[in-house]
Amino acid sequence: MGASFIDLAFLKVDNINAGRIEYKRRKTGKLHSIKITEPLQEILYKHLKGKRTGDFILNVIKSDDVKKQYVNVRDELRRYYNRRLKEIGELCGLESELTSYVARHSFATIAKFKDVPVSVISQAFGHTNLETTETYLAKFDK
C-alpha cells in the first residue's frame, strides 16, 4: 500500500510502534498499520537521527501553525517531490511530465490492465469503498 505525501509529511516519531508505522489517513481517518521492512528501516534510520517523541519524521513541516503546516506540505510536494519525479521522467525519456498524480494514475492503469482485482487496487489507494475505485478506474477506459 502506498502512503500519500501528506500522510508521510505528518508522520511523527510517535507513529512508530512495535515494528510498525501506525497512522490515521488524513483524508479518510482510516487507520493504517504498515510493517517496517528492512529497506524501510534503512530509510527511517536516516530520518530519525536526533529526533525525539513528538517530532515529525520528515523535515517537511516547519511550523506549529496548522494552516502553515499544510502550506509547507504543498510547497514541498511542488518544489521537491514533483521536481525530482520530473527529473526521473526526463532520464527515462517519458513524453509526459512525471508528477505524483501521474505516478498514482499510472499505477492504477497498469494494475487494471494487468487484471489486478479492483479490491486490491482499492486497498492500495486507501479507498474506503470499491465504488470510489471503480469510478476512478472508469476514467482510464479511454
N, C-alpha and C. Protein backbone atom coordinates (compact mmCIF):
# COMPACT_ATOMS: atom_id res chain seq x y z
N MET A 1 0.84 -1.17 0.00
CA MET A 1 0.00 0.00 0.00
C MET A 1 0.88 1.24 0.00
N GLY A 2 0.57 2.17 -0.82
CA GLY A 2 1.31 3.41 -0.84
C GLY A 2 0.70 4.41 0.13
N ALA A 3 1.51 5.26 0.67
CA ALA A 3 1.03 6.31 1.56
C ALA A 3 1.05 7.62 0.79
N SER A 4 0.06 8.47 1.05
CA SER A 4 0.02 9.76 0.37
C SER A 4 1.12 10.66 0.92
N PHE A 5 1.50 11.63 0.12
CA PHE A 5 2.57 12.54 0.52
C PHE A 5 2.19 13.29 1.80
N ILE A 6 0.95 13.73 1.88
CA ILE A 6 0.54 14.49 3.07
C ILE A 6 0.60 13.62 4.33
N ASP A 7 0.23 12.35 4.18
CA ASP A 7 0.31 11.45 5.34
C ASP A 7 1.75 11.21 5.76
N LEU A 8 2.64 11.09 4.78
CA LEU A 8 4.06 10.92 5.10
C LEU A 8 4.61 12.16 5.80
N ALA A 9 4.22 13.33 5.31
CA ALA A 9 4.73 14.58 5.87
C ALA A 9 4.33 14.75 7.33
N PHE A 10 3.16 14.26 7.70
CA PHE A 10 2.66 14.44 9.07
C PHE A 10 3.05 13.29 10.01
N LEU A 11 3.79 12.29 9.52
CA LEU A 11 4.21 11.21 10.41
C LEU A 11 5.14 11.74 11.48
N LYS A 12 4.92 11.26 12.69
CA LYS A 12 5.78 11.64 13.82
C LYS A 12 6.47 10.40 14.37
N VAL A 13 7.51 10.63 15.13
CA VAL A 13 8.23 9.54 15.78
C VAL A 13 7.24 8.67 16.56
N ASP A 14 6.23 9.29 17.15
CA ASP A 14 5.21 8.58 17.93
C ASP A 14 4.42 7.57 17.09
N ASN A 15 4.41 7.73 15.76
CA ASN A 15 3.68 6.81 14.89
C ASN A 15 4.39 5.48 14.72
N ILE A 16 5.61 5.37 15.20
CA ILE A 16 6.36 4.11 15.12
C ILE A 16 6.09 3.33 16.39
N ASN A 17 5.58 2.12 16.22
CA ASN A 17 5.20 1.31 17.36
C ASN A 17 5.35 -0.18 17.05
N ALA A 18 6.19 -0.86 17.82
CA ALA A 18 6.35 -2.32 17.71
C ALA A 18 6.62 -2.79 16.28
N GLY A 19 7.57 -2.11 15.62
CA GLY A 19 7.95 -2.54 14.27
C GLY A 19 6.97 -2.16 13.19
N ARG A 20 6.09 -1.22 13.48
CA ARG A 20 5.10 -0.79 12.50
C ARG A 20 4.98 0.73 12.52
N ILE A 21 4.53 1.30 11.40
CA ILE A 21 4.15 2.70 11.36
C ILE A 21 2.63 2.70 11.37
N GLU A 22 2.07 3.34 12.38
CA GLU A 22 0.62 3.38 12.52
C GLU A 22 0.16 4.83 12.48
N TYR A 23 -0.82 5.09 11.62
CA TYR A 23 -1.33 6.46 11.48
C TYR A 23 -2.74 6.42 10.93
N LYS A 24 -3.45 7.53 11.11
CA LYS A 24 -4.77 7.69 10.51
C LYS A 24 -4.61 8.49 9.23
N ARG A 25 -5.20 7.99 8.16
CA ARG A 25 -5.19 8.66 6.87
C ARG A 25 -5.87 10.01 7.03
N ARG A 26 -5.22 11.07 6.62
CA ARG A 26 -5.76 12.42 6.81
C ARG A 26 -7.06 12.61 6.05
N LYS A 27 -7.15 12.03 4.87
CA LYS A 27 -8.33 12.24 4.03
C LYS A 27 -9.55 11.48 4.54
N THR A 28 -9.35 10.27 5.05
CA THR A 28 -10.48 9.41 5.42
C THR A 28 -10.59 9.12 6.91
N GLY A 29 -9.50 9.32 7.65
CA GLY A 29 -9.50 8.97 9.06
C GLY A 29 -9.30 7.49 9.32
N LYS A 30 -9.12 6.73 8.25
CA LYS A 30 -8.94 5.27 8.37
C LYS A 30 -7.55 4.97 8.95
N LEU A 31 -7.51 4.03 9.88
CA LEU A 31 -6.25 3.63 10.50
C LEU A 31 -5.43 2.75 9.56
N HIS A 32 -4.15 3.06 9.43
CA HIS A 32 -3.24 2.25 8.62
C HIS A 32 -2.10 1.77 9.51
N SER A 33 -1.67 0.56 9.28
CA SER A 33 -0.57 -0.02 10.03
C SER A 33 0.35 -0.70 9.02
N ILE A 34 1.55 -0.16 8.88
CA ILE A 34 2.49 -0.63 7.86
C ILE A 34 3.69 -1.26 8.55
N LYS A 35 3.99 -2.50 8.18
CA LYS A 35 5.14 -3.19 8.75
C LYS A 35 6.42 -2.50 8.29
N ILE A 36 7.34 -2.31 9.21
CA ILE A 36 8.62 -1.70 8.86
C ILE A 36 9.55 -2.82 8.38
N THR A 37 9.73 -2.88 7.07
CA THR A 37 10.61 -3.87 6.47
C THR A 37 12.05 -3.38 6.58
N GLU A 38 12.98 -4.24 6.25
CA GLU A 38 14.39 -3.85 6.33
C GLU A 38 14.72 -2.63 5.46
N PRO A 39 14.27 -2.60 4.19
CA PRO A 39 14.56 -1.40 3.38
C PRO A 39 13.93 -0.13 3.97
N LEU A 40 12.71 -0.25 4.50
CA LEU A 40 12.06 0.90 5.12
C LEU A 40 12.81 1.32 6.38
N GLN A 41 13.30 0.35 7.13
CA GLN A 41 14.07 0.66 8.34
C GLN A 41 15.32 1.47 8.00
N GLU A 42 15.98 1.12 6.90
CA GLU A 42 17.17 1.86 6.48
C GLU A 42 16.83 3.32 6.16
N ILE A 43 15.70 3.53 5.51
CA ILE A 43 15.27 4.90 5.18
C ILE A 43 14.92 5.65 6.46
N LEU A 44 14.14 5.00 7.32
CA LEU A 44 13.74 5.64 8.58
C LEU A 44 14.95 6.02 9.42
N TYR A 45 15.92 5.14 9.47
CA TYR A 45 17.12 5.37 10.29
C TYR A 45 17.77 6.72 9.94
N LYS A 46 17.83 7.01 8.65
CA LYS A 46 18.44 8.27 8.20
C LYS A 46 17.65 9.49 8.69
N HIS A 47 16.33 9.34 8.77
CA HIS A 47 15.47 10.47 9.13
C HIS A 47 15.24 10.59 10.63
N LEU A 48 15.53 9.55 11.38
CA LEU A 48 15.26 9.57 12.82
C LEU A 48 16.42 10.06 13.67
N LYS A 49 17.59 10.23 13.06
CA LYS A 49 18.74 10.71 13.82
C LYS A 49 18.43 12.03 14.50
N GLY A 50 18.59 12.04 15.83
CA GLY A 50 18.38 13.25 16.60
C GLY A 50 16.93 13.61 16.86
N LYS A 51 15.99 12.79 16.40
CA LYS A 51 14.57 13.07 16.58
C LYS A 51 14.09 12.50 17.92
N ARG A 52 13.10 13.20 18.50
CA ARG A 52 12.51 12.78 19.76
C ARG A 52 11.01 12.59 19.59
N THR A 53 10.40 11.99 20.59
CA THR A 53 8.95 11.83 20.61
C THR A 53 8.30 13.19 20.32
N GLY A 54 7.31 13.18 19.45
CA GLY A 54 6.61 14.42 19.10
C GLY A 54 7.16 15.11 17.87
N ASP A 55 8.38 14.75 17.45
CA ASP A 55 8.98 15.33 16.25
C ASP A 55 8.41 14.67 15.00
N PHE A 56 8.29 15.46 13.93
CA PHE A 56 7.94 14.90 12.63
C PHE A 56 9.14 14.11 12.12
N ILE A 57 8.88 13.00 11.45
CA ILE A 57 9.97 12.15 10.93
C ILE A 57 10.68 12.86 9.78
N LEU A 58 9.90 13.40 8.86
CA LEU A 58 10.49 14.11 7.72
C LEU A 58 10.59 15.59 8.04
N ASN A 59 11.47 16.27 7.36
CA ASN A 59 11.67 17.71 7.59
C ASN A 59 10.86 18.55 6.62
N VAL A 60 9.58 18.23 6.51
CA VAL A 60 8.70 18.95 5.61
C VAL A 60 7.98 20.07 6.34
N ILE A 61 7.46 19.78 7.50
CA ILE A 61 6.66 20.74 8.26
C ILE A 61 7.59 21.54 9.17
N LYS A 62 7.51 22.86 9.02
CA LYS A 62 8.44 23.73 9.74
C LYS A 62 7.72 24.74 10.64
N SER A 63 6.42 24.52 10.88
CA SER A 63 5.64 25.47 11.65
C SER A 63 4.74 24.75 12.64
N ASP A 64 4.38 25.43 13.71
CA ASP A 64 3.40 24.91 14.66
C ASP A 64 1.98 25.30 14.26
N ASP A 65 1.87 26.30 13.39
CA ASP A 65 0.57 26.77 12.92
C ASP A 65 0.00 25.78 11.90
N VAL A 66 -1.20 25.26 12.14
CA VAL A 66 -1.79 24.22 11.30
C VAL A 66 -1.93 24.67 9.85
N LYS A 67 -2.39 25.89 9.61
CA LYS A 67 -2.53 26.38 8.23
C LYS A 67 -1.17 26.42 7.53
N LYS A 68 -0.16 26.88 8.25
CA LYS A 68 1.18 26.94 7.66
C LYS A 68 1.74 25.55 7.41
N GLN A 69 1.35 24.57 8.23
CA GLN A 69 1.82 23.20 8.03
C GLN A 69 1.34 22.68 6.68
N TYR A 70 0.09 22.94 6.35
CA TYR A 70 -0.44 22.49 5.07
C TYR A 70 0.23 23.22 3.90
N VAL A 71 0.59 24.48 4.10
CA VAL A 71 1.33 25.22 3.09
C VAL A 71 2.72 24.60 2.93
N ASN A 72 3.37 24.23 4.04
CA ASN A 72 4.67 23.55 3.98
C ASN A 72 4.59 22.29 3.15
N VAL A 73 3.55 21.48 3.37
CA VAL A 73 3.39 20.22 2.65
C VAL A 73 3.17 20.49 1.17
N ARG A 74 2.29 21.41 0.85
CA ARG A 74 2.02 21.74 -0.56
C ARG A 74 3.28 22.21 -1.27
N ASP A 75 3.99 23.12 -0.61
CA ASP A 75 5.21 23.67 -1.22
C ASP A 75 6.27 22.59 -1.42
N GLU A 76 6.43 21.72 -0.43
CA GLU A 76 7.42 20.64 -0.54
C GLU A 76 7.05 19.68 -1.66
N LEU A 77 5.77 19.38 -1.78
CA LEU A 77 5.30 18.49 -2.85
C LEU A 77 5.63 19.09 -4.21
N ARG A 78 5.38 20.37 -4.35
CA ARG A 78 5.64 21.04 -5.64
C ARG A 78 7.13 21.18 -5.92
N ARG A 79 7.85 21.70 -4.92
CA ARG A 79 9.26 22.05 -5.14
C ARG A 79 10.17 20.85 -5.20
N TYR A 80 9.99 19.92 -4.32
CA TYR A 80 10.97 18.84 -4.21
C TYR A 80 10.48 17.54 -4.85
N TYR A 81 9.40 17.03 -4.34
CA TYR A 81 8.91 15.71 -4.75
C TYR A 81 8.60 15.67 -6.25
N ASN A 82 7.77 16.58 -6.71
CA ASN A 82 7.40 16.57 -8.13
C ASN A 82 8.56 16.98 -9.03
N ARG A 83 9.44 17.85 -8.53
CA ARG A 83 10.62 18.21 -9.33
C ARG A 83 11.52 17.00 -9.54
N ARG A 84 11.70 16.21 -8.48
CA ARG A 84 12.52 15.00 -8.60
C ARG A 84 11.85 13.98 -9.52
N LEU A 85 10.54 13.82 -9.42
CA LEU A 85 9.83 12.92 -10.32
C LEU A 85 9.98 13.38 -11.78
N LYS A 86 9.92 14.69 -12.00
CA LYS A 86 10.10 15.23 -13.34
C LYS A 86 11.48 14.86 -13.88
N GLU A 87 12.51 14.98 -13.03
CA GLU A 87 13.87 14.61 -13.44
C GLU A 87 13.95 13.13 -13.79
N ILE A 88 13.32 12.29 -12.99
CA ILE A 88 13.31 10.84 -13.27
C ILE A 88 12.62 10.58 -14.61
N GLY A 89 11.49 11.25 -14.83
CA GLY A 89 10.77 11.09 -16.09
C GLY A 89 11.61 11.49 -17.28
N GLU A 90 12.35 12.58 -17.15
CA GLU A 90 13.23 13.03 -18.23
C GLU A 90 14.35 12.03 -18.48
N LEU A 91 14.94 11.50 -17.41
CA LEU A 91 16.00 10.50 -17.55
C LEU A 91 15.49 9.22 -18.24
N CYS A 92 14.21 8.93 -18.02
CA CYS A 92 13.61 7.73 -18.62
C CYS A 92 13.07 8.00 -20.03
N GLY A 93 13.14 9.26 -20.46
CA GLY A 93 12.66 9.61 -21.79
C GLY A 93 11.15 9.62 -21.91
N LEU A 94 10.44 9.88 -20.83
CA LEU A 94 8.98 9.92 -20.88
C LEU A 94 8.51 11.14 -21.65
N GLU A 95 7.44 10.97 -22.42
CA GLU A 95 6.90 12.08 -23.18
C GLU A 95 6.11 13.03 -22.29
N SER A 96 5.41 12.48 -21.29
CA SER A 96 4.62 13.29 -20.36
C SER A 96 5.46 13.63 -19.14
N GLU A 97 5.11 14.75 -18.50
CA GLU A 97 5.81 15.13 -17.28
C GLU A 97 5.36 14.21 -16.15
N LEU A 98 6.31 13.63 -15.45
CA LEU A 98 6.00 12.72 -14.34
C LEU A 98 5.77 13.53 -13.07
N THR A 99 4.59 13.36 -12.46
CA THR A 99 4.24 14.00 -11.20
C THR A 99 3.67 12.93 -10.27
N SER A 100 3.42 13.31 -9.03
CA SER A 100 2.82 12.35 -8.09
C SER A 100 1.45 11.90 -8.60
N TYR A 101 0.72 12.81 -9.20
CA TYR A 101 -0.60 12.50 -9.75
C TYR A 101 -0.47 11.50 -10.90
N VAL A 102 0.46 11.75 -11.80
CA VAL A 102 0.68 10.86 -12.95
C VAL A 102 1.14 9.49 -12.47
N ALA A 103 2.03 9.47 -11.47
CA ALA A 103 2.53 8.19 -10.94
C ALA A 103 1.39 7.37 -10.35
N ARG A 104 0.52 8.01 -9.60
CA ARG A 104 -0.62 7.32 -8.98
C ARG A 104 -1.55 6.76 -10.05
N HIS A 105 -1.87 7.57 -11.05
CA HIS A 105 -2.75 7.12 -12.12
C HIS A 105 -2.09 6.04 -12.98
N SER A 106 -0.79 6.15 -13.17
CA SER A 106 -0.08 5.12 -13.93
C SER A 106 -0.15 3.78 -13.22
N PHE A 107 0.05 3.81 -11.91
CA PHE A 107 -0.07 2.57 -11.14
C PHE A 107 -1.45 1.95 -11.34
N ALA A 108 -2.49 2.76 -11.22
CA ALA A 108 -3.86 2.25 -11.35
C ALA A 108 -4.12 1.69 -12.74
N THR A 109 -3.65 2.39 -13.75
CA THR A 109 -3.85 1.94 -15.13
C THR A 109 -3.14 0.62 -15.39
N ILE A 110 -1.89 0.54 -14.99
CA ILE A 110 -1.12 -0.69 -15.19
C ILE A 110 -1.76 -1.85 -14.43
N ALA A 111 -2.13 -1.60 -13.19
CA ALA A 111 -2.76 -2.65 -12.38
C ALA A 111 -4.05 -3.12 -13.03
N LYS A 112 -4.85 -2.18 -13.51
CA LYS A 112 -6.13 -2.54 -14.15
C LYS A 112 -5.90 -3.41 -15.38
N PHE A 113 -4.97 -3.02 -16.23
CA PHE A 113 -4.73 -3.78 -17.45
C PHE A 113 -3.96 -5.08 -17.21
N LYS A 114 -3.39 -5.23 -16.03
CA LYS A 114 -2.74 -6.49 -15.63
C LYS A 114 -3.74 -7.38 -14.88
N ASP A 115 -5.00 -6.99 -14.90
CA ASP A 115 -6.09 -7.73 -14.25
C ASP A 115 -5.92 -7.89 -12.75
N VAL A 116 -5.31 -6.89 -12.12
CA VAL A 116 -5.26 -6.88 -10.65
C VAL A 116 -6.68 -6.61 -10.17
N PRO A 117 -7.17 -7.38 -9.23
CA PRO A 117 -8.54 -7.17 -8.75
C PRO A 117 -8.77 -5.75 -8.24
N VAL A 118 -9.94 -5.22 -8.53
CA VAL A 118 -10.28 -3.87 -8.11
C VAL A 118 -10.14 -3.73 -6.59
N SER A 119 -10.45 -4.77 -5.87
CA SER A 119 -10.34 -4.71 -4.41
C SER A 119 -8.90 -4.46 -3.96
N VAL A 120 -7.95 -5.02 -4.70
CA VAL A 120 -6.53 -4.82 -4.37
C VAL A 120 -6.11 -3.39 -4.71
N ILE A 121 -6.54 -2.90 -5.86
CA ILE A 121 -6.23 -1.52 -6.25
C ILE A 121 -6.85 -0.56 -5.25
N SER A 122 -8.07 -0.84 -4.85
CA SER A 122 -8.78 -0.02 -3.88
C SER A 122 -8.02 0.05 -2.56
N GLN A 123 -7.54 -1.09 -2.11
CA GLN A 123 -6.78 -1.13 -0.86
C GLN A 123 -5.47 -0.35 -1.01
N ALA A 124 -4.81 -0.50 -2.14
CA ALA A 124 -3.55 0.21 -2.37
C ALA A 124 -3.76 1.73 -2.35
N PHE A 125 -4.91 2.17 -2.82
CA PHE A 125 -5.21 3.60 -2.85
C PHE A 125 -5.74 4.11 -1.52
N GLY A 126 -6.09 3.19 -0.63
CA GLY A 126 -6.65 3.60 0.65
C GLY A 126 -8.09 4.04 0.55
N HIS A 127 -8.78 3.63 -0.54
CA HIS A 127 -10.18 3.98 -0.68
C HIS A 127 -11.01 3.20 0.33
N THR A 128 -12.07 3.81 0.81
CA THR A 128 -12.91 3.15 1.81
C THR A 128 -13.97 2.25 1.19
N ASN A 129 -14.24 2.41 -0.10
CA ASN A 129 -15.20 1.51 -0.75
C ASN A 129 -14.80 1.29 -2.21
N LEU A 130 -15.30 0.19 -2.77
CA LEU A 130 -14.94 -0.17 -4.15
C LEU A 130 -15.53 0.79 -5.17
N GLU A 131 -16.68 1.39 -4.87
CA GLU A 131 -17.30 2.31 -5.83
C GLU A 131 -16.38 3.48 -6.17
N THR A 132 -15.69 3.98 -5.17
CA THR A 132 -14.75 5.08 -5.41
C THR A 132 -13.68 4.64 -6.40
N THR A 133 -13.13 3.45 -6.18
CA THR A 133 -12.08 2.93 -7.06
C THR A 133 -12.63 2.66 -8.45
N GLU A 134 -13.82 2.07 -8.54
CA GLU A 134 -14.41 1.78 -9.85
C GLU A 134 -14.67 3.06 -10.64
N THR A 135 -15.12 4.11 -9.96
CA THR A 135 -15.32 5.41 -10.61
C THR A 135 -13.99 5.95 -11.10
N TYR A 136 -12.97 5.84 -10.26
CA TYR A 136 -11.62 6.29 -10.58
C TYR A 136 -11.09 5.56 -11.80
N LEU A 137 -11.26 4.22 -11.83
CA LEU A 137 -10.73 3.41 -12.92
C LEU A 137 -11.50 3.57 -14.20
N ALA A 138 -12.78 3.92 -14.12
CA ALA A 138 -13.60 4.08 -15.32
C ALA A 138 -13.03 5.18 -16.22
N LYS A 139 -12.36 6.16 -15.64
CA LYS A 139 -11.77 7.25 -16.41
C LYS A 139 -10.65 6.75 -17.33
N PHE A 140 -10.09 5.58 -17.02
CA PHE A 140 -8.93 5.07 -17.77
C PHE A 140 -9.30 4.22 -18.96
N ASP A 141 -10.60 3.97 -19.16
CA ASP A 141 -11.02 3.14 -20.30
C ASP A 141 -10.67 3.79 -21.63
N LYS A 142 -10.53 5.11 -21.63
CA LYS A 142 -10.22 5.83 -22.86
C LYS A 142 -8.74 6.03 -22.98
